[in-house]
Amino acid sequence: MAIVLSILNLAVAVLFVFVGTKKAFRPIPELAGQMPWVNTFSKRNVRLIGYAELAGGLGLVLPGIVGLGLLIPLIAALCLAALMIGAAVYHLRLKDNKGAIPSIVLAGILLILAMYMVL
């Protein structure tokens, strides 16, 4: 089970680093073609979301690689879960039920990972 959770943790971290980097550094018009919701946020807020996702993704794996323990990955998982719950609520408020599904699934995965980090 530990191997499965480690692989899942790494996959989620890579996903957040990839998506966070995209939101943090790509031009907003380019992002808007793929993620229409960015037109409803200021450029600064889109960048902040990207930085948060990037930091969270790195926080899931880097401390384990350098031997800093589980506190930072636990905090990263919980913060990313909160961010994904917020994203799901935002999608649902826009009546974008289909767009909320990935956020809900990721929040669930992150909460499961956090639970196993505590145990």
Protein backbone atom coordinates (compact mmCIF):
# COMPACT_ATOMS: atom_id res chain seq x y z
CA MET A 1 0.00 0.00 0.00
CA ALA A 2 2.87 2.38 0.78
CA ILE A 3 4.24 1.97 -2.76
CA VAL A 4 0.85 2.78 -4.29
CA LEU A 5 0.52 5.88 -2.11
CA SER A 6 4.04 7.01 -2.97
CA ILE A 7 3.35 6.66 -6.69
CA LEU A 8 0.02 8.47 -6.30
CA ASN A 9 1.73 11.24 -4.32
CA LEU A 10 4.38 11.63 -7.02
CA ALA A 11 1.76 11.67 -9.80
CA VAL A 12 -0.31 14.34 -8.03
CA ALA A 13 2.85 16.38 -7.36
CA VAL A 14 3.88 16.25 -11.03
CA LEU A 15 0.36 17.26 -12.07
CA PHE A 16 0.34 20.29 -9.76
CA VAL A 17 3.86 21.36 -10.76
CA PHE A 18 2.87 21.15 -14.44
CA VAL A 19 -0.48 22.94 -14.12
CA GLY A 20 0.86 25.46 -11.60
CA THR A 21 3.78 26.35 -13.86
CA LYS A 22 1.35 26.82 -16.73
CA LYS A 23 -0.86 29.20 -14.74
CA ALA A 24 2.09 31.05 -13.25
CA PHE A 25 4.03 31.73 -16.43
CA ARG A 26 1.95 31.34 -19.60
CA PRO A 27 0.28 34.40 -21.14
CA ILE A 28 -3.30 34.84 -19.93
CA PRO A 29 -4.85 34.87 -23.46
CA GLU A 30 -3.19 31.51 -24.13
CA LEU A 31 -4.53 30.12 -20.85
CA ALA A 32 -8.02 31.47 -21.58
CA GLY A 33 -8.21 29.25 -24.65
CA GLN A 34 -7.76 26.18 -22.46
CA MET A 35 -9.30 27.42 -19.20
CA PRO A 36 -12.13 29.91 -19.83
CA TRP A 37 -12.48 30.66 -16.11
CA VAL A 38 -9.23 32.70 -16.18
CA ASN A 39 -11.18 35.50 -17.87
CA THR A 40 -13.20 35.90 -14.66
CA PHE A 41 -10.09 36.41 -12.49
CA SER A 42 -7.49 39.15 -12.46
CA LYS A 43 -4.09 38.30 -13.94
CA ARG A 44 -2.59 38.57 -10.46
CA ASN A 45 -5.03 36.04 -9.00
CA VAL A 46 -4.43 33.56 -11.83
CA ARG A 47 -0.69 33.87 -11.19
CA LEU A 48 -1.19 33.42 -7.42
CA ILE A 49 -3.21 30.25 -8.02
CA GLY A 50 -0.41 29.01 -10.25
CA TYR A 51 2.26 29.79 -7.66
CA ALA A 52 0.20 28.05 -4.96
CA GLU A 53 -0.21 24.94 -7.10
CA LEU A 54 3.47 24.95 -8.01
CA ALA A 55 4.56 25.35 -4.38
CA GLY A 56 2.10 22.70 -3.23
CA GLY A 57 3.27 20.22 -5.85
CA LEU A 58 6.89 20.75 -4.84
CA GLY A 59 5.90 20.57 -1.17
CA LEU A 60 4.41 17.12 -1.69
CA VAL A 61 7.69 15.55 -2.80
CA LEU A 62 10.78 17.67 -2.12
CA PRO A 63 10.81 17.29 1.69
CA GLY A 64 10.70 13.51 1.31
CA ILE A 65 13.57 13.58 -1.16
CA VAL A 66 15.82 15.67 1.09
CA GLY A 67 14.68 14.01 4.33
CA LEU A 68 12.71 16.80 6.00
CA GLY A 69 9.91 14.56 7.27
CA LEU A 70 6.17 14.56 6.67
CA LEU A 71 5.00 17.87 8.11
CA ILE A 72 5.58 19.94 4.95
CA PRO A 73 3.98 17.35 2.61
CA LEU A 74 1.03 17.10 4.99
CA ILE A 75 0.54 20.87 4.98
CA ALA A 76 0.97 20.93 1.18
CA ALA A 77 -1.63 18.19 0.72
CA LEU A 78 -4.15 19.94 2.98
CA CYS A 79 -3.60 23.34 1.36
CA LEU A 80 -3.93 21.89 -2.14
CA ALA A 81 -7.10 20.05 -1.07
CA ALA A 82 -8.55 23.35 0.20
CA LEU A 83 -7.59 25.02 -3.09
CA MET A 84 -9.29 22.24 -5.06
CA ILE A 85 -12.44 22.46 -2.93
CA GLY A 86 -12.51 26.20 -3.65
CA ALA A 87 -12.04 25.49 -7.36
CA ALA A 88 -14.89 22.98 -7.33
CA VAL A 89 -17.20 25.45 -5.58
CA TYR A 90 -16.28 28.11 -8.13
CA HIS A 91 -16.99 25.78 -11.06
CA LEU A 92 -20.32 24.77 -9.52
CA ARG A 93 -21.29 28.43 -9.04
CA LEU A 94 -20.58 28.96 -12.76
CA LYS A 95 -22.89 25.98 -13.49
CA ASP A 96 -19.84 24.13 -14.85
CA ASN A 97 -20.56 20.78 -13.19
CA LYS A 98 -18.24 18.92 -15.57
CA GLY A 99 -15.40 21.31 -14.74
CA ALA A 100 -15.84 20.69 -11.01
CA ILE A 101 -15.23 16.93 -11.26
CA PRO A 102 -11.40 17.02 -11.57
CA SER A 103 -11.16 19.39 -8.61
CA ILE A 104 -13.38 17.18 -6.46
CA VAL A 105 -11.42 14.04 -7.40
CA LEU A 106 -8.08 15.74 -6.70
CA ALA A 107 -9.34 17.06 -3.35
CA GLY A 108 -10.37 13.52 -2.39
CA ILE A 109 -7.01 12.07 -3.42
CA LEU A 110 -5.14 14.78 -1.51
CA LEU A 111 -7.20 14.18 1.63
CA ILE A 112 -6.52 10.44 1.40
CA LEU A 113 -2.80 11.13 1.00
CA ALA A 114 -2.90 13.49 4.00
CA MET A 115 -4.69 10.88 6.08
CA TYR A 116 -2.00 8.30 5.35
CA MET A 117 0.74 10.84 6.12
CA VAL A 118 -0.72 11.21 9.61
CA LEU A 119 -1.02 7.47 10.24
